[in-house]
Amino acid sequence: MAEGRDIAPSINNLLSLPFALKVATKDWHPADHISFASNHAGKEAFVDFVEIVNPYNASEKYTSRLWPVHCVQGTPGAELIPELDTSKLDVAIEKGTDARVEMYSPFYAPFNLYTSSSSSSSSQPPKVSDSGLLSLLQSHAVTDVYLVGLAGDYCVKSCAEDAAREGFRTYLIEECTRAVDSDKASWAACKRQIEDAGAKIVSLHGPEVRRLGVLEL
């Protein structure tokens, strides 16, 4: 996406701050992933959509945008970009590994593993394609989550919504993301949805970031 790599220097500066845990996430798709337009006859990336059905519960489904082939497992395109200082990271989590399911959020896909009525042992069914991110954050006693990266209107948005839903104070640093649909109206609507979900859009130079320490400018 336009100017996507331009956010790397600011992210590297943020990674120098004393966060309890510094996590990278990356798509790690099989070649036959459902999100690739090339896997659907006559479909075009960015333009067309596909219905995605929960492979464990056919009553759950949603419509998702189709994309060019990207981040295929074991290829250079699936690696973190070289501009990112990965030496400052604690862990990298792979997502989107199930060919049958679109997974924007690094927490889990937006499906339950089974219906809540099918098990009396848990009021909240486990999620499909749970990456382990939630349990990782909880194990480090994380309370506040700061989000950066791509794309602001898809993966980052879904991460912000899930982080807030799971009870974390959640901040999306606006200068450190870029959107696929980057026109002002689309991004403004996306930000409203993120904040309606309980997350907060903040500035790199705002008080939410300044309280963490002094950034290298």
N, C-alpha and C. Protein backbone atom coordinates (compact mmCIF):
# COMPACT_ATOMS: atom_id res chain seq x y z
N MET A 1 0.84 -1.18 0.00
CA MET A 1 0.00 0.00 0.00
C MET A 1 0.88 1.24 0.00
N ALA A 2 0.32 2.35 -0.43
CA ALA A 2 1.11 3.57 -0.59
C ALA A 2 1.76 3.97 0.73
N GLU A 3 3.07 4.19 0.68
CA GLU A 3 3.85 4.70 1.82
C GLU A 3 3.83 3.76 3.02
N GLY A 4 3.53 2.49 2.80
CA GLY A 4 3.45 1.57 3.92
C GLY A 4 4.75 1.41 4.67
N ARG A 5 5.87 1.37 3.96
CA ARG A 5 7.16 1.17 4.61
C ARG A 5 7.65 2.43 5.33
N ASP A 6 7.05 3.56 5.06
CA ASP A 6 7.49 4.81 5.67
C ASP A 6 7.29 4.85 7.18
N ILE A 7 6.46 3.96 7.70
CA ILE A 7 6.19 3.96 9.13
C ILE A 7 7.26 3.23 9.93
N ALA A 8 8.16 2.51 9.26
CA ALA A 8 9.14 1.68 9.97
C ALA A 8 10.04 2.47 10.91
N PRO A 9 10.60 3.63 10.52
CA PRO A 9 11.47 4.36 11.46
C PRO A 9 10.75 4.74 12.76
N SER A 10 9.52 5.17 12.67
CA SER A 10 8.78 5.52 13.88
C SER A 10 8.51 4.29 14.74
N ILE A 11 8.23 3.17 14.10
CA ILE A 11 8.02 1.93 14.86
C ILE A 11 9.30 1.51 15.56
N ASN A 12 10.43 1.63 14.88
CA ASN A 12 11.71 1.29 15.51
C ASN A 12 11.97 2.17 16.72
N ASN A 13 11.63 3.44 16.64
CA ASN A 13 11.78 4.32 17.79
C ASN A 13 10.90 3.87 18.94
N LEU A 14 9.68 3.51 18.63
CA LEU A 14 8.77 3.02 19.68
C LEU A 14 9.30 1.76 20.33
N LEU A 15 9.94 0.91 19.56
CA LEU A 15 10.45 -0.35 20.10
C LEU A 15 11.59 -0.13 21.09
N SER A 16 12.13 1.09 21.14
CA SER A 16 13.16 1.40 22.13
C SER A 16 12.57 1.75 23.49
N LEU A 17 11.27 1.95 23.55
CA LEU A 17 10.62 2.29 24.81
C LEU A 17 10.43 1.03 25.66
N PRO A 18 10.29 1.20 26.97
CA PRO A 18 10.28 0.04 27.89
C PRO A 18 8.92 -0.66 28.00
N PHE A 19 8.45 -1.20 26.90
CA PHE A 19 7.24 -2.01 26.93
C PHE A 19 7.51 -3.33 27.64
N ALA A 20 6.50 -3.86 28.29
CA ALA A 20 6.65 -5.14 28.97
C ALA A 20 6.88 -6.28 27.97
N LEU A 21 6.33 -6.12 26.77
CA LEU A 21 6.43 -7.15 25.74
C LEU A 21 6.29 -6.49 24.38
N LYS A 22 7.15 -6.90 23.44
CA LYS A 22 7.13 -6.32 22.10
C LYS A 22 6.87 -7.45 21.11
N VAL A 23 5.68 -7.42 20.51
CA VAL A 23 5.20 -8.53 19.70
C VAL A 23 5.01 -8.08 18.25
N ALA A 24 5.58 -8.82 17.33
CA ALA A 24 5.27 -8.64 15.91
C ALA A 24 4.30 -9.73 15.49
N THR A 25 3.43 -9.40 14.56
CA THR A 25 2.54 -10.41 13.99
C THR A 25 2.70 -10.36 12.47
N LYS A 26 2.53 -11.51 11.84
CA LYS A 26 2.65 -11.54 10.39
C LYS A 26 1.75 -12.61 9.81
N ASP A 27 1.19 -12.30 8.63
CA ASP A 27 0.45 -13.31 7.90
C ASP A 27 1.41 -14.43 7.49
N TRP A 28 0.91 -15.67 7.56
CA TRP A 28 1.71 -16.84 7.21
C TRP A 28 0.78 -17.82 6.49
N HIS A 29 0.42 -17.43 5.25
CA HIS A 29 -0.65 -18.11 4.53
C HIS A 29 -0.15 -19.32 3.73
N PRO A 30 -0.93 -20.40 3.71
CA PRO A 30 -0.69 -21.44 2.71
C PRO A 30 -1.05 -20.91 1.32
N ALA A 31 -0.49 -21.53 0.29
CA ALA A 31 -0.68 -21.04 -1.08
C ALA A 31 -2.13 -21.10 -1.53
N ASP A 32 -2.93 -21.98 -0.92
CA ASP A 32 -4.33 -22.11 -1.32
C ASP A 32 -5.26 -21.32 -0.39
N HIS A 33 -4.74 -20.26 0.21
CA HIS A 33 -5.55 -19.52 1.19
C HIS A 33 -6.79 -18.91 0.55
N ILE A 34 -7.86 -18.93 1.31
CA ILE A 34 -9.17 -18.49 0.80
C ILE A 34 -9.20 -17.01 0.46
N SER A 35 -8.28 -16.22 1.01
CA SER A 35 -8.30 -14.77 0.78
C SER A 35 -7.67 -14.37 -0.54
N PHE A 36 -7.02 -15.29 -1.25
CA PHE A 36 -6.35 -14.95 -2.50
C PHE A 36 -7.35 -15.00 -3.65
N ALA A 37 -7.46 -13.89 -4.35
CA ALA A 37 -8.40 -13.85 -5.49
C ALA A 37 -8.06 -14.92 -6.53
N SER A 38 -6.78 -15.24 -6.68
CA SER A 38 -6.37 -16.22 -7.68
C SER A 38 -6.88 -17.62 -7.39
N ASN A 39 -7.34 -17.85 -6.17
CA ASN A 39 -7.90 -19.16 -5.82
C ASN A 39 -9.41 -19.22 -6.06
N HIS A 40 -9.97 -18.18 -6.70
CA HIS A 40 -11.41 -18.12 -6.99
C HIS A 40 -11.56 -17.73 -8.46
N ALA A 41 -12.08 -18.62 -9.24
CA ALA A 41 -12.20 -18.38 -10.68
C ALA A 41 -12.99 -17.12 -10.97
N GLY A 42 -12.42 -16.26 -11.81
CA GLY A 42 -13.10 -15.06 -12.26
C GLY A 42 -13.14 -13.93 -11.25
N LYS A 43 -12.46 -14.09 -10.11
CA LYS A 43 -12.48 -13.05 -9.08
C LYS A 43 -11.25 -12.16 -9.19
N GLU A 44 -11.40 -10.90 -8.77
CA GLU A 44 -10.34 -9.91 -8.88
C GLU A 44 -9.98 -9.37 -7.51
N ALA A 45 -8.69 -9.28 -7.25
CA ALA A 45 -8.21 -8.75 -5.97
C ALA A 45 -8.66 -7.31 -5.78
N PHE A 46 -8.98 -6.96 -4.54
CA PHE A 46 -9.43 -5.64 -4.10
C PHE A 46 -10.88 -5.33 -4.51
N VAL A 47 -11.35 -5.97 -5.56
CA VAL A 47 -12.67 -5.65 -6.12
C VAL A 47 -13.73 -6.62 -5.63
N ASP A 48 -13.43 -7.91 -5.67
CA ASP A 48 -14.42 -8.93 -5.37
C ASP A 48 -14.34 -9.42 -3.93
N PHE A 49 -15.39 -10.12 -3.53
CA PHE A 49 -15.52 -10.62 -2.16
C PHE A 49 -15.86 -12.11 -2.20
N VAL A 50 -15.68 -12.77 -1.06
CA VAL A 50 -15.99 -14.19 -0.94
C VAL A 50 -16.68 -14.43 0.39
N GLU A 51 -17.60 -15.38 0.40
CA GLU A 51 -18.24 -15.78 1.65
C GLU A 51 -17.36 -16.81 2.35
N ILE A 52 -17.03 -16.54 3.59
CA ILE A 52 -16.19 -17.44 4.38
C ILE A 52 -17.05 -18.10 5.45
N VAL A 53 -17.02 -19.42 5.49
CA VAL A 53 -17.86 -20.20 6.39
C VAL A 53 -16.98 -20.83 7.46
N ASN A 54 -17.43 -20.80 8.69
CA ASN A 54 -16.74 -21.45 9.78
C ASN A 54 -16.64 -22.95 9.48
N PRO A 55 -15.42 -23.48 9.36
CA PRO A 55 -15.30 -24.91 9.02
C PRO A 55 -15.79 -25.84 10.11
N TYR A 56 -16.05 -25.32 11.30
CA TYR A 56 -16.52 -26.14 12.41
C TYR A 56 -17.98 -25.88 12.76
N ASN A 57 -18.58 -24.89 12.11
CA ASN A 57 -19.97 -24.53 12.42
C ASN A 57 -20.52 -23.75 11.23
N ALA A 58 -21.20 -24.43 10.34
CA ALA A 58 -21.64 -23.84 9.08
C ALA A 58 -22.65 -22.71 9.24
N SER A 59 -23.19 -22.54 10.45
CA SER A 59 -24.15 -21.45 10.67
C SER A 59 -23.45 -20.10 10.80
N GLU A 60 -22.13 -20.13 11.01
CA GLU A 60 -21.36 -18.88 11.12
C GLU A 60 -20.67 -18.61 9.79
N LYS A 61 -20.88 -17.42 9.27
CA LYS A 61 -20.25 -17.04 8.01
C LYS A 61 -20.18 -15.52 7.90
N TYR A 62 -19.30 -15.05 7.07
CA TYR A 62 -19.24 -13.62 6.79
C TYR A 62 -18.60 -13.41 5.43
N THR A 63 -18.73 -12.21 4.90
CA THR A 63 -18.18 -11.87 3.60
C THR A 63 -16.89 -11.09 3.77
N SER A 64 -15.87 -11.46 3.00
CA SER A 64 -14.56 -10.82 3.13
C SER A 64 -14.01 -10.43 1.77
N ARG A 65 -13.24 -9.36 1.76
CA ARG A 65 -12.60 -8.88 0.54
C ARG A 65 -11.51 -9.86 0.10
N LEU A 66 -11.30 -9.93 -1.21
CA LEU A 66 -10.25 -10.77 -1.76
C LEU A 66 -8.99 -9.94 -2.04
N TRP A 67 -7.83 -10.61 -1.92
CA TRP A 67 -6.54 -9.93 -2.00
C TRP A 67 -5.63 -10.60 -3.02
N PRO A 68 -4.58 -9.89 -3.43
CA PRO A 68 -3.54 -10.56 -4.23
C PRO A 68 -2.84 -11.62 -3.37
N VAL A 69 -2.14 -12.52 -4.03
CA VAL A 69 -1.33 -13.50 -3.28
C VAL A 69 -0.31 -12.73 -2.45
N HIS A 70 -0.23 -13.06 -1.15
CA HIS A 70 0.69 -12.36 -0.27
C HIS A 70 1.07 -13.25 0.92
N CYS A 71 2.26 -13.02 1.44
CA CYS A 71 2.72 -13.66 2.69
C CYS A 71 2.55 -15.17 2.66
N VAL A 72 2.99 -15.80 1.58
CA VAL A 72 2.89 -17.26 1.47
C VAL A 72 3.99 -17.90 2.32
N GLN A 73 3.61 -18.90 3.08
CA GLN A 73 4.53 -19.56 4.00
C GLN A 73 5.84 -19.95 3.31
N GLY A 74 6.95 -19.62 3.98
CA GLY A 74 8.25 -20.03 3.48
C GLY A 74 8.82 -19.19 2.36
N THR A 75 8.14 -18.11 1.97
CA THR A 75 8.63 -17.24 0.91
C THR A 75 9.14 -15.93 1.51
N PRO A 76 10.01 -15.21 0.79
CA PRO A 76 10.50 -13.92 1.30
C PRO A 76 9.37 -12.93 1.60
N GLY A 77 8.28 -13.02 0.86
CA GLY A 77 7.18 -12.09 1.07
C GLY A 77 6.46 -12.27 2.39
N ALA A 78 6.72 -13.38 3.08
CA ALA A 78 6.09 -13.62 4.37
C ALA A 78 6.96 -13.17 5.54
N GLU A 79 8.16 -12.68 5.24
CA GLU A 79 9.08 -12.26 6.31
C GLU A 79 8.79 -10.83 6.73
N LEU A 80 9.18 -10.50 7.94
CA LEU A 80 9.10 -9.11 8.39
C LEU A 80 10.02 -8.26 7.53
N ILE A 81 9.61 -7.04 7.24
CA ILE A 81 10.37 -6.20 6.31
C ILE A 81 11.74 -5.85 6.90
N PRO A 82 12.76 -5.73 6.06
CA PRO A 82 14.12 -5.47 6.55
C PRO A 82 14.26 -4.11 7.24
N GLU A 83 13.37 -3.17 6.94
CA GLU A 83 13.45 -1.86 7.60
C GLU A 83 13.10 -1.93 9.08
N LEU A 84 12.44 -3.00 9.51
CA LEU A 84 12.05 -3.15 10.91
C LEU A 84 13.21 -3.74 11.71
N ASP A 85 13.52 -3.11 12.84
CA ASP A 85 14.59 -3.59 13.70
C ASP A 85 14.08 -4.76 14.55
N THR A 86 14.19 -5.95 14.00
CA THR A 86 13.63 -7.12 14.67
C THR A 86 14.41 -7.52 15.92
N SER A 87 15.62 -6.96 16.10
CA SER A 87 16.39 -7.27 17.30
C SER A 87 15.72 -6.73 18.56
N LYS A 88 14.81 -5.79 18.38
CA LYS A 88 14.11 -5.19 19.52
C LYS A 88 12.81 -5.94 19.87
N LEU A 89 12.47 -6.96 19.08
CA LEU A 89 11.23 -7.70 19.31
C LEU A 89 11.45 -8.84 20.29
N ASP A 90 10.42 -9.17 21.03
CA ASP A 90 10.46 -10.33 21.92
C ASP A 90 9.95 -11.59 21.25
N VAL A 91 8.95 -11.44 20.39
CA VAL A 91 8.34 -12.62 19.77
C VAL A 91 7.62 -12.19 18.50
N ALA A 92 7.53 -13.10 17.54
CA ALA A 92 6.74 -12.89 16.33
C ALA A 92 5.69 -13.99 16.24
N ILE A 93 4.46 -13.60 16.03
CA ILE A 93 3.34 -14.54 15.97
C ILE A 93 2.83 -14.64 14.54
N GLU A 94 2.63 -15.86 14.07
CA GLU A 94 2.11 -16.09 12.72
C GLU A 94 0.60 -16.25 12.77
N LYS A 95 -0.07 -15.69 11.78
CA LYS A 95 -1.53 -15.79 11.72
C LYS A 95 -1.97 -16.09 10.30
N GLY A 96 -3.25 -16.47 10.17
CA GLY A 96 -3.78 -16.78 8.84
C GLY A 96 -3.22 -18.06 8.27
N THR A 97 -2.94 -19.02 9.15
CA THR A 97 -2.31 -20.27 8.71
C THR A 97 -3.30 -21.33 8.22
N ASP A 98 -4.58 -21.13 8.51
CA ASP A 98 -5.62 -22.07 8.06
C ASP A 98 -6.15 -21.59 6.71
N ALA A 99 -5.98 -22.39 5.68
CA ALA A 99 -6.37 -21.99 4.32
C ALA A 99 -7.85 -21.68 4.20
N ARG A 100 -8.66 -22.20 5.12
CA ARG A 100 -10.11 -22.09 5.00
C ARG A 100 -10.68 -20.81 5.60
N VAL A 101 -9.86 -20.07 6.35
CA VAL A 101 -10.38 -18.99 7.19
C VAL A 101 -9.57 -17.71 7.00
N GLU A 102 -10.25 -16.60 6.79
CA GLU A 102 -9.59 -15.30 6.81
C GLU A 102 -9.37 -14.89 8.25
N MET A 103 -8.19 -14.37 8.56
CA MET A 103 -7.85 -14.02 9.94
C MET A 103 -7.13 -12.68 9.93
N TYR A 104 -7.88 -11.60 10.02
CA TYR A 104 -7.25 -10.28 10.10
C TYR A 104 -6.63 -10.06 11.48
N SER A 105 -7.36 -10.39 12.51
CA SER A 105 -6.88 -10.17 13.87
C SER A 105 -5.77 -11.16 14.21
N PRO A 106 -4.72 -10.71 14.90
CA PRO A 106 -3.68 -11.65 15.33
C PRO A 106 -4.09 -12.48 16.55
N PHE A 107 -5.24 -12.18 17.13
CA PHE A 107 -5.72 -12.97 18.26
C PHE A 107 -6.33 -14.29 17.80
N TYR A 108 -7.32 -14.20 16.92
CA TYR A 108 -8.04 -15.38 16.45
C TYR A 108 -8.94 -14.98 15.29
N ALA A 109 -9.43 -15.96 14.58
CA ALA A 109 -10.42 -15.71 13.54
C ALA A 109 -11.77 -15.40 14.19
N PRO A 110 -12.67 -14.71 13.47
CA PRO A 110 -13.94 -14.29 14.08
C PRO A 110 -14.99 -15.40 14.12
N PHE A 111 -14.56 -16.59 14.49
CA PHE A 111 -15.46 -17.74 14.58
C PHE A 111 -15.23 -18.46 15.90
N ASN A 112 -16.29 -19.08 16.43
CA ASN A 112 -16.16 -19.96 17.58
C ASN A 112 -15.86 -21.38 17.09
N LEU A 113 -15.10 -22.12 17.89
CA LEU A 113 -14.75 -23.49 17.53
C LEU A 113 -15.98 -24.39 17.54
N TYR A 114 -16.93 -24.08 18.40
CA TYR A 114 -18.21 -24.77 18.42
C TYR A 114 -19.24 -23.85 19.04
N THR A 115 -20.50 -24.17 18.91
CA THR A 115 -21.55 -23.34 19.48
C THR A 115 -21.53 -23.46 21.00
N SER A 116 -21.85 -22.38 21.69
CA SER A 116 -21.81 -22.40 23.15
C SER A 116 -22.77 -23.43 23.73
N SER A 117 -23.85 -23.71 23.01
CA SER A 117 -24.84 -24.66 23.51
C SER A 117 -24.35 -26.10 23.43
N SER A 118 -23.27 -26.33 22.64
CA SER A 118 -22.80 -27.70 22.45
C SER A 118 -21.86 -28.15 23.56
N SER A 119 -21.52 -27.26 24.47
CA SER A 119 -20.64 -27.63 25.58
C SER A 119 -21.10 -26.93 26.84
N SER A 120 -21.28 -27.69 27.89
CA SER A 120 -21.70 -27.11 29.16
C SER A 120 -20.52 -26.72 30.03
N SER A 121 -19.29 -27.08 29.58
CA SER A 121 -18.11 -26.84 30.41
C SER A 121 -17.57 -25.44 30.30
N SER A 122 -18.02 -24.68 29.30
CA SER A 122 -17.49 -23.34 29.11
C SER A 122 -18.59 -22.43 28.58
N SER A 123 -18.71 -21.24 29.17
CA SER A 123 -19.70 -20.28 28.69
C SER A 123 -19.19 -19.56 27.45
N GLN A 124 -17.89 -19.57 27.22
CA GLN A 124 -17.30 -18.92 26.06
C GLN A 124 -16.50 -19.94 25.25
N PRO A 125 -17.02 -20.35 24.09
CA PRO A 125 -16.31 -21.36 23.30
C PRO A 125 -14.94 -20.83 22.86
N PRO A 126 -13.97 -21.71 22.70
CA PRO A 126 -12.67 -21.29 22.15
C PRO A 126 -12.85 -20.80 20.72
N LYS A 127 -11.91 -19.98 20.29
CA LYS A 127 -11.98 -19.41 18.96
C LYS A 127 -11.25 -20.26 17.94
N VAL A 128 -11.66 -20.17 16.69
CA VAL A 128 -10.97 -20.82 15.59
C VAL A 128 -9.64 -20.10 15.36
N SER A 129 -8.59 -20.87 15.12
CA SER A 129 -7.25 -20.33 14.81
C SER A 129 -6.73 -19.40 15.90
N ASP A 130 -6.93 -19.77 17.14
CA ASP A 130 -6.37 -19.01 18.26
C ASP A 130 -4.85 -19.03 18.16
N SER A 131 -4.21 -17.88 18.05
CA SER A 131 -2.76 -17.80 17.86
C SER A 131 -1.98 -17.93 19.16
N GLY A 132 -2.67 -17.81 20.29
CA GLY A 132 -1.99 -17.80 21.58
C GLY A 132 -1.60 -16.41 22.05
N LEU A 133 -1.92 -15.38 21.26
CA LEU A 133 -1.55 -14.02 21.63
C LEU A 133 -2.20 -13.58 22.93
N LEU A 134 -3.47 -13.89 23.09
CA LEU A 134 -4.16 -13.47 24.31
C LEU A 134 -3.50 -14.07 25.55
N SER A 135 -3.24 -15.35 25.53
CA SER A 135 -2.62 -15.98 26.69
C SER A 135 -1.20 -15.47 26.91
N LEU A 136 -0.50 -15.12 25.82
CA LEU A 136 0.84 -14.56 25.95
C LEU A 136 0.79 -13.21 26.67
N LEU A 137 -0.12 -12.34 26.26
CA LEU A 137 -0.24 -11.04 26.91
C LEU A 137 -0.63 -11.19 28.37
N GLN A 138 -1.56 -12.08 28.62
CA GLN A 138 -1.99 -12.30 30.00
C GLN A 138 -0.87 -12.84 30.86
N SER A 139 -0.03 -13.70 30.30
CA SER A 139 1.06 -14.29 31.08
C SER A 139 2.12 -13.26 31.45
N HIS A 140 2.16 -12.14 30.71
CA HIS A 140 3.10 -11.07 31.02
C HIS A 140 2.41 -9.91 31.76
N ALA A 141 1.20 -10.16 32.23
CA ALA A 141 0.44 -9.15 32.98
C ALA A 141 0.28 -7.84 32.22
N VAL A 142 0.11 -7.94 30.91
CA VAL A 142 -0.08 -6.75 30.08
C VAL A 142 -1.46 -6.15 30.35
N THR A 143 -1.51 -4.84 30.50
CA THR A 143 -2.78 -4.14 30.70
C THR A 143 -3.10 -3.18 29.57
N ASP A 144 -2.05 -2.64 28.93
CA ASP A 144 -2.21 -1.66 27.87
C ASP A 144 -1.56 -2.17 26.60
N VAL A 145 -2.27 -2.06 25.48
CA VAL A 145 -1.76 -2.53 24.20
C VAL A 145 -1.66 -1.34 23.25
N TYR A 146 -0.47 -1.17 22.67
CA TYR A 146 -0.23 -0.12 21.68
C TYR A 146 -0.05 -0.77 20.32
N LEU A 147 -0.79 -0.31 19.33
CA LEU A 147 -0.82 -0.95 18.02
C LEU A 147 -0.22 -0.07 16.94
N VAL A 148 0.55 -0.70 16.07
CA VAL A 148 1.11 -0.03 14.89
C VAL A 148 1.08 -1.04 13.74
N GLY A 149 1.36 -0.59 12.52
CA GLY A 149 1.52 -1.52 11.42
C GLY A 149 0.48 -1.40 10.33
N LEU A 150 0.37 -2.46 9.54
CA LEU A 150 -0.49 -2.49 8.36
C LEU A 150 -1.45 -3.67 8.45
N ALA A 151 -2.58 -3.53 7.85
CA ALA A 151 -3.16 -2.31 7.33
C ALA A 151 -4.15 -1.76 8.35
N GLY A 152 -4.18 -0.44 8.46
CA GLY A 152 -4.98 0.19 9.50
C GLY A 152 -6.45 -0.14 9.46
N ASP A 153 -6.99 -0.37 8.27
CA ASP A 153 -8.42 -0.61 8.14
C ASP A 153 -8.78 -2.09 8.08
N TYR A 154 -7.80 -2.97 8.23
CA TYR A 154 -8.09 -4.40 8.23
C TYR A 154 -7.44 -5.08 9.43
N CYS A 155 -6.19 -5.51 9.31
CA CYS A 155 -5.55 -6.27 10.40
C CYS A 155 -5.41 -5.44 11.67
N VAL A 156 -4.97 -4.20 11.53
CA VAL A 156 -4.78 -3.37 12.73
C VAL A 156 -6.12 -3.05 13.37
N LYS A 157 -7.11 -2.74 12.56
CA LYS A 157 -8.45 -2.48 13.07
C LYS A 157 -8.99 -3.68 13.84
N SER A 158 -8.88 -4.86 13.25
CA SER A 158 -9.39 -6.07 13.91
C SER A 158 -8.63 -6.36 15.19
N CYS A 159 -7.33 -6.12 15.19
CA CYS A 159 -6.54 -6.32 16.40
C CYS A 159 -6.99 -5.36 17.50
N ALA A 160 -7.20 -4.10 17.14
CA ALA A 160 -7.64 -3.11 18.13
C ALA A 160 -8.98 -3.51 18.73
N GLU A 161 -9.90 -3.93 17.88
CA GLU A 161 -11.23 -4.30 18.36
C GLU A 161 -11.17 -5.51 19.29
N ASP A 162 -10.36 -6.51 18.93
CA ASP A 162 -10.26 -7.70 19.78
C ASP A 162 -9.52 -7.40 21.07
N ALA A 163 -8.48 -6.59 21.00
CA ALA A 163 -7.75 -6.24 22.22
C ALA A 163 -8.66 -5.52 23.21
N ALA A 164 -9.45 -4.57 22.71
CA ALA A 164 -10.38 -3.86 23.58
C ALA A 164 -11.44 -4.81 24.12
N ARG A 165 -11.93 -5.70 23.28
CA ARG A 165 -12.95 -6.66 23.70
C ARG A 165 -12.42 -7.58 24.80
N GLU A 166 -11.14 -7.88 24.76
CA GLU A 166 -10.54 -8.76 25.76
C GLU A 166 -10.14 -8.01 27.04
N GLY A 167 -10.42 -6.71 27.08
CA GLY A 167 -10.23 -5.96 28.32
C GLY A 167 -8.96 -5.16 28.44
N PHE A 168 -8.17 -5.11 27.37
CA PHE A 168 -6.95 -4.30 27.40
C PHE A 168 -7.27 -2.84 27.08
N ARG A 169 -6.59 -1.91 27.76
CA ARG A 169 -6.63 -0.52 27.32
C ARG A 169 -5.84 -0.46 26.02
N THR A 170 -6.50 -0.05 24.96
CA THR A 170 -5.96 -0.25 23.61
C THR A 170 -5.79 1.08 22.89
N TYR A 171 -4.58 1.29 22.35
CA TYR A 171 -4.25 2.54 21.67
C TYR A 171 -3.67 2.22 20.29
N LEU A 172 -4.25 2.82 19.27
CA LEU A 172 -3.72 2.74 17.91
C LEU A 172 -2.99 4.05 17.63
N ILE A 173 -1.70 3.96 17.35
CA ILE A 173 -0.90 5.16 17.08
C ILE A 173 -1.04 5.51 15.60
N GLU A 174 -1.72 6.62 15.33
CA GLU A 174 -2.17 6.90 13.97
C GLU A 174 -1.02 7.12 12.99
N GLU A 175 0.04 7.77 13.42
CA GLU A 175 1.16 8.01 12.50
C GLU A 175 1.88 6.73 12.11
N CYS A 176 1.64 5.66 12.84
CA CYS A 176 2.36 4.41 12.62
C CYS A 176 1.49 3.35 11.96
N THR A 177 0.55 3.77 11.15
CA THR A 177 -0.25 2.83 10.38
C THR A 177 -0.62 3.47 9.05
N ARG A 178 -0.99 2.67 8.10
CA ARG A 178 -1.51 3.12 6.81
C ARG A 178 -2.69 2.22 6.46
N ALA A 179 -3.65 2.77 5.75
CA ALA A 179 -4.86 2.04 5.39
C ALA A 179 -4.84 1.64 3.91
N VAL A 180 -5.54 0.56 3.58
CA VAL A 180 -5.74 0.18 2.19
C VAL A 180 -6.60 1.23 1.50
N ASP A 181 -7.74 1.52 2.11
CA ASP A 181 -8.62 2.57 1.60
C ASP A 181 -8.27 3.85 2.35
N SER A 182 -7.36 4.62 1.78
CA SER A 182 -6.73 5.71 2.53
C SER A 182 -7.37 7.08 2.34
N ASP A 183 -8.45 7.16 1.57
CA ASP A 183 -9.09 8.46 1.44
C ASP A 183 -9.65 8.90 2.79
N LYS A 184 -9.76 10.18 2.98
CA LYS A 184 -10.09 10.74 4.30
C LYS A 184 -11.42 10.22 4.84
N ALA A 185 -12.42 10.12 3.98
CA ALA A 185 -13.73 9.69 4.44
C ALA A 185 -13.70 8.23 4.92
N SER A 186 -13.04 7.37 4.17
CA SER A 186 -12.97 5.95 4.55
C SER A 186 -12.20 5.77 5.85
N TRP A 187 -11.07 6.45 5.99
CA TRP A 187 -10.27 6.32 7.19
C TRP A 187 -10.98 6.91 8.40
N ALA A 188 -11.69 8.02 8.20
CA ALA A 188 -12.45 8.61 9.31
C ALA A 188 -13.53 7.65 9.79
N ALA A 189 -14.21 6.99 8.86
CA ALA A 189 -15.25 6.02 9.24
C ALA A 189 -14.63 4.83 9.97
N CYS A 190 -13.47 4.39 9.50
CA CYS A 190 -12.78 3.27 10.14
C CYS A 190 -12.38 3.63 11.56
N LYS A 191 -11.87 4.83 11.76
CA LYS A 191 -11.47 5.26 13.11
C LYS A 191 -12.66 5.30 14.06
N ARG A 192 -13.79 5.72 13.54
CA ARG A 192 -14.99 5.74 14.39
C ARG A 192 -15.35 4.32 14.83
N GLN A 193 -15.25 3.37 13.93
CA GLN A 193 -15.56 1.98 14.27
C GLN A 193 -14.58 1.45 15.32
N ILE A 194 -13.32 1.79 15.18
CA ILE A 194 -12.31 1.34 16.14
C ILE A 194 -12.62 1.91 17.53
N GLU A 195 -12.93 3.18 17.58
CA GLU A 195 -13.20 3.81 18.87
C GLU A 195 -14.53 3.36 19.44
N ASP A 196 -15.50 3.08 18.58
CA ASP A 196 -16.78 2.54 19.07
C ASP A 196 -16.58 1.17 19.72
N ALA A 197 -15.54 0.46 19.31
CA ALA A 197 -15.24 -0.86 19.88
C ALA A 197 -14.51 -0.76 21.22
N GLY A 198 -14.11 0.46 21.59
CA GLY A 198 -13.48 0.65 22.89
C GLY A 198 -12.00 0.96 22.84
N ALA A 199 -11.40 0.97 21.66
CA ALA A 199 -10.00 1.35 21.52
C ALA A 199 -9.90 2.87 21.33
N LYS A 200 -8.69 3.38 21.37
CA LYS A 200 -8.49 4.82 21.25
C LYS A 200 -7.45 5.10 20.18
N ILE A 201 -7.71 6.07 19.30
CA ILE A 201 -6.75 6.52 18.31
C ILE A 201 -5.92 7.63 18.95
N VAL A 202 -4.58 7.46 18.96
CA VAL A 202 -3.72 8.45 19.62
C VAL A 202 -2.61 8.88 18.68
N SER A 203 -1.93 9.95 19.08
CA SER A 203 -0.81 10.48 18.31
C SER A 203 0.51 9.96 18.86
N LEU A 204 1.46 9.83 17.98
CA LEU A 204 2.82 9.45 18.37
C LEU A 204 3.39 10.41 19.40
N HIS A 205 2.91 11.65 19.36
CA HIS A 205 3.43 12.68 20.27
C HIS A 205 2.44 13.04 21.36
N GLY A 206 1.42 12.23 21.54
CA GLY A 206 0.40 12.49 22.54
C GLY A 206 0.80 11.97 23.92
N PRO A 207 0.01 12.28 24.92
CA PRO A 207 0.35 11.89 26.30
C PRO A 207 0.37 10.39 26.52
N GLU A 208 -0.42 9.64 25.76
CA GLU A 208 -0.46 8.19 25.95
C GLU A 208 0.88 7.54 25.59
N VAL A 209 1.59 8.14 24.63
CA VAL A 209 2.91 7.64 24.25
C VAL A 209 4.01 8.30 25.08
N ARG A 210 3.88 9.59 25.34
CA ARG A 210 4.91 10.31 26.11
C ARG A 210 5.13 9.72 27.49
N ARG A 211 4.08 9.17 28.08
CA ARG A 211 4.23 8.62 29.43
C ARG A 211 5.14 7.40 29.47
N LEU A 212 5.38 6.81 28.30
CA LEU A 212 6.22 5.61 28.24
C LEU A 212 7.70 5.93 28.24
N GLY A 213 8.05 7.14 27.86
CA GLY A 213 9.46 7.53 27.79
C GLY A 213 9.68 8.51 26.65
N VAL A 214 10.93 8.86 26.46
CA VAL A 214 11.28 9.86 25.45
C VAL A 214 11.63 9.16 24.14
N LEU A 215 10.95 9.57 23.08
CA LEU A 215 11.22 8.99 21.76
C LEU A 215 12.44 9.64 21.12
N GLU A 216 13.18 8.86 20.34
CA GLU A 216 14.25 9.41 19.52
C GLU A 216 13.62 10.07 18.30
N LEU A 217 13.91 11.32 18.08
CA LEU A 217 13.32 12.04 16.96
C LEU A 217 14.34 12.25 15.85
